[in-house]
């Protein structure tokens, strides 16, 4: 079974609550940057024999020292990264016909420096 994990520290402007108060151009720039970063990470992390996944699971873990995102907010923050992984060819698309399960959870860490989000895309066999 193939899997790929990327680690991101997304721009706070991508959170559901911050999008409402930010200028659209700032949100657009942050979204574009997150998608491009994920594309590069996806291309770098894929093995030479990687074949674009036609069925996948997506597991998201937010490591947080303070207050975590709620689940819809976490999905909102991760959406550009998942789109970038599709652009890189990690999986064929991000619709329900390809992503068979989408799991999210939170893990507490001791310091803010450890804050991150790990997104793992795994093949469904």
N, C-alpha and C. Protein backbone atom coordinates (compact mmCIF):
# COMPACT_ATOMS: atom_id res chain seq x y z
N UNK A 1 0.85 -1.19 0.00
CA UNK A 1 0.00 0.00 0.00
C UNK A 1 0.89 1.25 0.00
N UNK A 2 0.62 2.13 -0.91
CA UNK A 2 1.39 3.37 -1.01
C UNK A 2 0.77 4.44 -0.13
N UNK A 3 1.63 5.28 0.46
CA UNK A 3 1.13 6.44 1.19
C UNK A 3 2.16 7.55 1.11
N UNK A 4 1.68 8.76 1.31
CA UNK A 4 2.52 9.94 1.24
C UNK A 4 2.05 10.90 2.32
N UNK A 5 2.99 11.46 3.08
CA UNK A 5 2.65 12.40 4.14
C UNK A 5 3.36 13.73 3.88
N UNK A 6 2.59 14.82 3.99
CA UNK A 6 3.17 16.15 3.93
C UNK A 6 2.86 16.86 5.24
N UNK A 7 3.80 17.70 5.66
CA UNK A 7 3.66 18.46 6.89
C UNK A 7 3.54 19.93 6.50
N UNK A 8 2.50 20.58 7.02
CA UNK A 8 2.28 21.99 6.69
C UNK A 8 2.09 22.82 7.96
N UNK A 9 2.41 24.07 7.85
CA UNK A 9 2.10 25.08 8.87
C UNK A 9 1.37 26.19 8.12
N UNK A 10 0.06 26.02 7.93
CA UNK A 10 -0.68 26.93 7.05
C UNK A 10 -0.78 28.36 7.58
N UNK A 11 -0.91 29.28 6.66
CA UNK A 11 -1.12 30.69 6.99
C UNK A 11 -2.42 30.80 7.77
N UNK A 12 -2.41 31.56 8.85
CA UNK A 12 -3.60 31.71 9.70
C UNK A 12 -4.77 32.33 8.95
N UNK A 13 -4.50 33.04 7.88
CA UNK A 13 -5.57 33.68 7.13
C UNK A 13 -6.47 32.64 6.45
N UNK A 14 -5.98 31.40 6.30
CA UNK A 14 -6.78 30.36 5.67
C UNK A 14 -7.84 29.77 6.60
N UNK A 15 -7.77 30.11 7.89
CA UNK A 15 -8.76 29.57 8.82
C UNK A 15 -10.13 30.17 8.51
N UNK A 16 -11.13 29.41 8.79
CA UNK A 16 -12.51 29.82 8.50
C UNK A 16 -12.85 31.16 9.14
N UNK A 17 -12.42 31.36 10.36
CA UNK A 17 -12.77 32.59 11.08
C UNK A 17 -11.99 33.81 10.58
N UNK A 18 -10.77 33.63 10.13
CA UNK A 18 -9.98 34.76 9.66
C UNK A 18 -10.33 35.17 8.24
N UNK A 19 -10.84 34.23 7.44
CA UNK A 19 -11.19 34.55 6.05
C UNK A 19 -12.23 35.67 5.97
N UNK A 20 -13.17 35.67 6.90
CA UNK A 20 -14.24 36.65 6.88
C UNK A 20 -13.78 38.08 7.08
N UNK A 21 -12.69 38.25 7.83
CA UNK A 21 -12.23 39.61 8.11
C UNK A 21 -11.06 40.05 7.24
N UNK A 22 -10.55 39.14 6.41
CA UNK A 22 -9.40 39.47 5.57
C UNK A 22 -9.85 39.92 4.18
N UNK A 23 -9.02 40.70 3.55
CA UNK A 23 -9.30 41.14 2.18
C UNK A 23 -9.21 39.94 1.25
N UNK A 24 -10.08 39.89 0.25
CA UNK A 24 -10.14 38.73 -0.64
C UNK A 24 -8.81 38.47 -1.32
N UNK A 25 -8.05 39.53 -1.63
CA UNK A 25 -6.78 39.33 -2.34
C UNK A 25 -5.75 38.65 -1.44
N UNK A 26 -5.78 38.95 -0.15
CA UNK A 26 -4.87 38.30 0.79
C UNK A 26 -5.21 36.82 0.95
N UNK A 27 -6.50 36.52 1.02
CA UNK A 27 -6.94 35.12 1.11
C UNK A 27 -6.57 34.37 -0.16
N UNK A 28 -6.78 35.00 -1.29
CA UNK A 28 -6.44 34.39 -2.58
C UNK A 28 -4.94 34.10 -2.68
N UNK A 29 -4.12 35.03 -2.26
CA UNK A 29 -2.67 34.84 -2.31
C UNK A 29 -2.23 33.71 -1.38
N UNK A 30 -2.80 33.66 -0.18
CA UNK A 30 -2.45 32.60 0.76
C UNK A 30 -2.90 31.23 0.25
N UNK A 31 -4.07 31.19 -0.36
CA UNK A 31 -4.59 29.94 -0.93
C UNK A 31 -3.69 29.46 -2.07
N UNK A 32 -3.33 30.38 -2.96
CA UNK A 32 -2.46 30.04 -4.09
C UNK A 32 -1.10 29.54 -3.60
N UNK A 33 -0.54 30.21 -2.58
CA UNK A 33 0.76 29.82 -2.05
C UNK A 33 0.70 28.44 -1.40
N UNK A 34 -0.36 28.17 -0.63
CA UNK A 34 -0.51 26.86 0.01
C UNK A 34 -0.63 25.76 -1.04
N UNK A 35 -1.36 26.03 -2.09
CA UNK A 35 -1.54 25.04 -3.15
C UNK A 35 -0.22 24.77 -3.88
N UNK A 36 0.53 25.83 -4.16
CA UNK A 36 1.83 25.68 -4.82
C UNK A 36 2.82 24.94 -3.93
N UNK A 37 2.84 25.27 -2.64
CA UNK A 37 3.73 24.58 -1.70
C UNK A 37 3.41 23.09 -1.64
N UNK A 38 2.13 22.77 -1.61
CA UNK A 38 1.72 21.36 -1.56
C UNK A 38 2.11 20.64 -2.85
N UNK A 39 2.00 21.32 -3.97
CA UNK A 39 2.42 20.73 -5.24
C UNK A 39 3.90 20.34 -5.18
N UNK A 40 4.72 21.26 -4.72
CA UNK A 40 6.16 21.00 -4.62
C UNK A 40 6.42 19.86 -3.64
N UNK A 41 5.79 19.90 -2.47
CA UNK A 41 5.97 18.82 -1.49
C UNK A 41 5.54 17.48 -2.06
N UNK A 42 4.43 17.46 -2.77
CA UNK A 42 3.94 16.22 -3.36
C UNK A 42 4.92 15.67 -4.38
N UNK A 43 5.43 16.52 -5.25
CA UNK A 43 6.37 16.08 -6.28
C UNK A 43 7.66 15.57 -5.64
N UNK A 44 8.14 16.25 -4.61
CA UNK A 44 9.38 15.84 -3.94
C UNK A 44 9.20 14.52 -3.19
N UNK A 45 8.06 14.34 -2.54
CA UNK A 45 7.84 13.15 -1.71
C UNK A 45 7.44 11.90 -2.49
N UNK A 46 6.91 12.05 -3.70
CA UNK A 46 6.50 10.87 -4.47
C UNK A 46 7.72 10.06 -4.88
N UNK A 47 7.60 8.76 -4.74
CA UNK A 47 8.67 7.86 -5.16
C UNK A 47 8.68 7.79 -6.68
N UNK A 48 9.78 7.30 -7.25
CA UNK A 48 9.91 7.21 -8.71
C UNK A 48 8.84 6.34 -9.34
N UNK A 49 8.38 5.31 -8.62
CA UNK A 49 7.39 4.40 -9.18
C UNK A 49 5.95 4.76 -8.77
N UNK A 50 5.76 5.99 -8.30
CA UNK A 50 4.42 6.42 -7.85
C UNK A 50 3.45 6.43 -9.02
N UNK A 51 2.28 5.88 -8.80
CA UNK A 51 1.20 5.93 -9.79
C UNK A 51 0.06 6.71 -9.15
N UNK A 52 -0.50 7.66 -9.87
CA UNK A 52 -1.59 8.48 -9.35
C UNK A 52 -2.68 7.58 -8.78
N UNK A 53 -3.06 7.86 -7.53
CA UNK A 53 -4.05 7.02 -6.85
C UNK A 53 -5.45 7.27 -7.39
N UNK A 54 -6.15 6.20 -7.67
CA UNK A 54 -7.54 6.28 -8.14
C UNK A 54 -8.53 6.08 -7.00
N UNK A 55 -8.05 5.53 -5.88
CA UNK A 55 -8.84 5.38 -4.66
C UNK A 55 -7.90 5.66 -3.50
N UNK A 56 -8.32 6.55 -2.61
CA UNK A 56 -7.42 6.97 -1.54
C UNK A 56 -8.19 7.29 -0.26
N UNK A 57 -7.43 7.32 0.84
CA UNK A 57 -7.93 7.86 2.10
C UNK A 57 -7.07 9.06 2.44
N UNK A 58 -7.65 10.03 3.11
CA UNK A 58 -6.92 11.21 3.55
C UNK A 58 -7.06 11.29 5.06
N UNK A 59 -5.92 11.31 5.74
CA UNK A 59 -5.89 11.43 7.20
C UNK A 59 -5.18 12.72 7.55
N UNK A 60 -5.85 13.53 8.36
CA UNK A 60 -5.32 14.83 8.77
C UNK A 60 -5.18 14.85 10.28
N UNK A 61 -3.98 15.21 10.76
CA UNK A 61 -3.74 15.33 12.19
C UNK A 61 -3.21 16.73 12.46
N UNK A 62 -3.92 17.46 13.31
CA UNK A 62 -3.44 18.78 13.72
C UNK A 62 -2.76 18.63 15.07
N UNK A 63 -1.49 18.99 15.14
CA UNK A 63 -0.74 19.01 16.38
C UNK A 63 -0.79 20.44 16.89
N UNK A 64 -1.32 20.64 18.08
CA UNK A 64 -1.57 21.99 18.58
C UNK A 64 -1.13 22.13 20.04
N UNK A 65 -0.61 23.30 20.36
CA UNK A 65 -0.22 23.60 21.74
C UNK A 65 -1.33 24.35 22.46
N UNK A 66 -2.13 25.05 21.71
CA UNK A 66 -3.21 25.84 22.30
C UNK A 66 -4.54 25.30 21.81
N UNK A 67 -5.41 26.17 21.35
CA UNK A 67 -6.74 25.75 20.91
C UNK A 67 -6.69 25.19 19.49
N UNK A 68 -7.23 23.99 19.27
CA UNK A 68 -7.24 23.43 17.91
C UNK A 68 -8.35 24.02 17.07
N UNK A 69 -8.24 23.84 15.76
CA UNK A 69 -9.33 24.20 14.86
C UNK A 69 -10.49 23.24 15.12
N UNK A 70 -11.72 23.71 14.91
CA UNK A 70 -12.82 22.75 14.89
C UNK A 70 -12.71 22.01 13.56
N UNK A 71 -13.48 20.93 13.39
CA UNK A 71 -13.27 20.08 12.23
C UNK A 71 -13.56 20.76 10.89
N UNK A 72 -14.60 21.58 10.82
CA UNK A 72 -14.85 22.26 9.55
C UNK A 72 -13.78 23.30 9.26
N UNK A 73 -13.25 23.93 10.31
CA UNK A 73 -12.15 24.88 10.14
C UNK A 73 -10.88 24.19 9.70
N UNK A 74 -10.61 23.00 10.25
CA UNK A 74 -9.43 22.24 9.86
C UNK A 74 -9.53 21.82 8.39
N UNK A 75 -10.71 21.41 7.97
CA UNK A 75 -10.91 21.04 6.56
C UNK A 75 -10.67 22.26 5.66
N UNK A 76 -11.12 23.43 6.09
CA UNK A 76 -10.96 24.66 5.33
C UNK A 76 -9.48 25.02 5.17
N UNK A 77 -8.71 24.88 6.23
CA UNK A 77 -7.29 25.20 6.21
C UNK A 77 -6.53 24.23 5.31
N UNK A 78 -6.95 22.97 5.28
CA UNK A 78 -6.24 21.93 4.52
C UNK A 78 -6.65 21.83 3.06
N UNK A 79 -7.75 22.43 2.68
CA UNK A 79 -8.27 22.30 1.32
C UNK A 79 -7.26 22.70 0.24
N UNK A 80 -6.56 23.84 0.35
CA UNK A 80 -5.60 24.18 -0.71
C UNK A 80 -4.45 23.17 -0.80
N UNK A 81 -4.05 22.60 0.33
CA UNK A 81 -2.98 21.61 0.32
C UNK A 81 -3.43 20.35 -0.41
N UNK A 82 -4.64 19.91 -0.15
CA UNK A 82 -5.15 18.73 -0.83
C UNK A 82 -5.27 18.99 -2.33
N UNK A 83 -5.72 20.19 -2.71
CA UNK A 83 -5.77 20.55 -4.13
C UNK A 83 -4.38 20.52 -4.77
N UNK A 84 -3.38 20.99 -4.04
CA UNK A 84 -2.01 20.96 -4.54
C UNK A 84 -1.49 19.55 -4.72
N UNK A 85 -1.89 18.64 -3.84
CA UNK A 85 -1.48 17.24 -3.98
C UNK A 85 -2.13 16.61 -5.21
N UNK A 86 -3.37 17.01 -5.50
CA UNK A 86 -4.03 16.55 -6.73
C UNK A 86 -3.27 17.11 -7.94
N UNK A 87 -2.92 18.39 -7.90
CA UNK A 87 -2.14 19.00 -8.99
C UNK A 87 -0.83 18.26 -9.23
N UNK A 88 -0.21 17.77 -8.15
CA UNK A 88 1.07 17.07 -8.26
C UNK A 88 0.92 15.65 -8.78
N UNK A 89 -0.31 15.14 -8.81
CA UNK A 89 -0.53 13.78 -9.29
C UNK A 89 -0.50 12.73 -8.22
N UNK A 90 -0.60 13.13 -6.96
CA UNK A 90 -0.63 12.16 -5.86
C UNK A 90 -1.89 11.32 -5.96
N UNK A 91 -3.02 11.98 -6.22
CA UNK A 91 -4.29 11.29 -6.43
C UNK A 91 -5.01 11.96 -7.59
N UNK A 92 -5.94 11.23 -8.19
CA UNK A 92 -6.59 11.70 -9.41
C UNK A 92 -7.46 12.94 -9.20
N UNK A 93 -8.14 13.02 -8.07
CA UNK A 93 -9.02 14.14 -7.78
C UNK A 93 -9.29 14.14 -6.28
N UNK A 94 -10.04 15.12 -5.81
CA UNK A 94 -10.38 15.14 -4.39
C UNK A 94 -11.88 14.97 -4.16
N UNK A 95 -12.56 14.39 -5.15
CA UNK A 95 -13.99 14.17 -4.98
C UNK A 95 -14.25 12.81 -4.32
N UNK A 96 -15.47 12.56 -3.87
CA UNK A 96 -15.78 11.33 -3.14
C UNK A 96 -15.59 10.04 -3.93
N UNK A 97 -15.54 10.11 -5.24
CA UNK A 97 -15.29 8.89 -6.00
C UNK A 97 -13.83 8.44 -5.87
N UNK A 98 -12.94 9.36 -5.51
CA UNK A 98 -11.52 9.04 -5.32
C UNK A 98 -11.19 8.93 -3.84
N UNK A 99 -11.56 9.93 -3.05
CA UNK A 99 -11.28 9.90 -1.60
C UNK A 99 -12.40 9.13 -0.92
N UNK A 100 -12.08 7.92 -0.51
CA UNK A 100 -13.08 7.03 0.08
C UNK A 100 -13.33 7.32 1.56
N UNK A 101 -12.33 7.85 2.26
CA UNK A 101 -12.56 8.28 3.64
C UNK A 101 -11.65 9.46 3.93
N UNK A 102 -12.13 10.32 4.81
CA UNK A 102 -11.49 11.58 5.14
C UNK A 102 -11.53 11.66 6.65
N UNK A 103 -10.39 11.45 7.31
CA UNK A 103 -10.35 11.37 8.77
C UNK A 103 -9.55 12.54 9.34
N UNK A 104 -10.06 13.13 10.42
CA UNK A 104 -9.37 14.24 11.07
C UNK A 104 -9.30 13.99 12.56
N UNK A 105 -8.18 14.38 13.16
CA UNK A 105 -8.05 14.28 14.61
C UNK A 105 -7.04 15.33 15.10
N UNK A 106 -7.00 15.48 16.40
CA UNK A 106 -6.12 16.47 17.03
C UNK A 106 -5.19 15.77 18.02
N UNK A 107 -3.98 16.28 18.13
CA UNK A 107 -3.00 15.80 19.11
C UNK A 107 -2.42 17.01 19.82
N UNK A 108 -2.39 16.96 21.13
CA UNK A 108 -1.83 18.05 21.92
C UNK A 108 -0.30 17.93 21.96
N UNK A 109 0.39 19.05 21.77
CA UNK A 109 1.85 19.11 21.90
C UNK A 109 2.20 20.14 22.96
N UNK A 110 3.45 20.13 23.41
CA UNK A 110 3.83 20.99 24.53
C UNK A 110 4.11 22.44 24.15
N UNK A 111 4.69 22.66 22.98
CA UNK A 111 5.08 24.03 22.63
C UNK A 111 4.48 24.46 21.28
N UNK A 112 4.33 25.76 21.11
CA UNK A 112 3.81 26.32 19.87
C UNK A 112 4.73 25.99 18.70
N UNK A 113 6.02 25.87 18.96
CA UNK A 113 6.98 25.53 17.90
C UNK A 113 6.68 24.16 17.29
N UNK A 114 5.99 23.31 18.00
CA UNK A 114 5.65 21.97 17.49
C UNK A 114 4.34 21.96 16.70
N UNK A 115 3.63 23.09 16.65
CA UNK A 115 2.37 23.16 15.90
C UNK A 115 2.61 22.79 14.44
N UNK A 116 1.73 21.96 13.90
CA UNK A 116 1.80 21.58 12.50
C UNK A 116 0.56 20.78 12.16
N UNK A 117 0.37 20.56 10.88
CA UNK A 117 -0.69 19.70 10.40
C UNK A 117 -0.03 18.68 9.47
N UNK A 118 -0.31 17.42 9.71
CA UNK A 118 0.20 16.34 8.85
C UNK A 118 -0.97 15.80 8.04
N UNK A 119 -0.77 15.73 6.74
CA UNK A 119 -1.78 15.19 5.84
C UNK A 119 -1.18 13.96 5.18
N UNK A 120 -1.84 12.82 5.38
CA UNK A 120 -1.38 11.56 4.79
C UNK A 120 -2.40 11.07 3.79
N UNK A 121 -1.96 10.81 2.58
CA UNK A 121 -2.80 10.25 1.53
C UNK A 121 -2.33 8.81 1.34
N UNK A 122 -3.26 7.88 1.48
CA UNK A 122 -2.94 6.46 1.37
C UNK A 122 -3.79 5.79 0.31
N UNK A 123 -3.20 4.82 -0.33
CA UNK A 123 -3.88 4.05 -1.35
C UNK A 123 -4.91 3.12 -0.71
N UNK A 124 -6.06 3.01 -1.34
CA UNK A 124 -7.06 2.03 -0.93
C UNK A 124 -6.89 0.83 -1.85
N UNK A 125 -6.65 -0.34 -1.25
CA UNK A 125 -6.46 -1.55 -2.06
C UNK A 125 -7.66 -2.46 -1.96
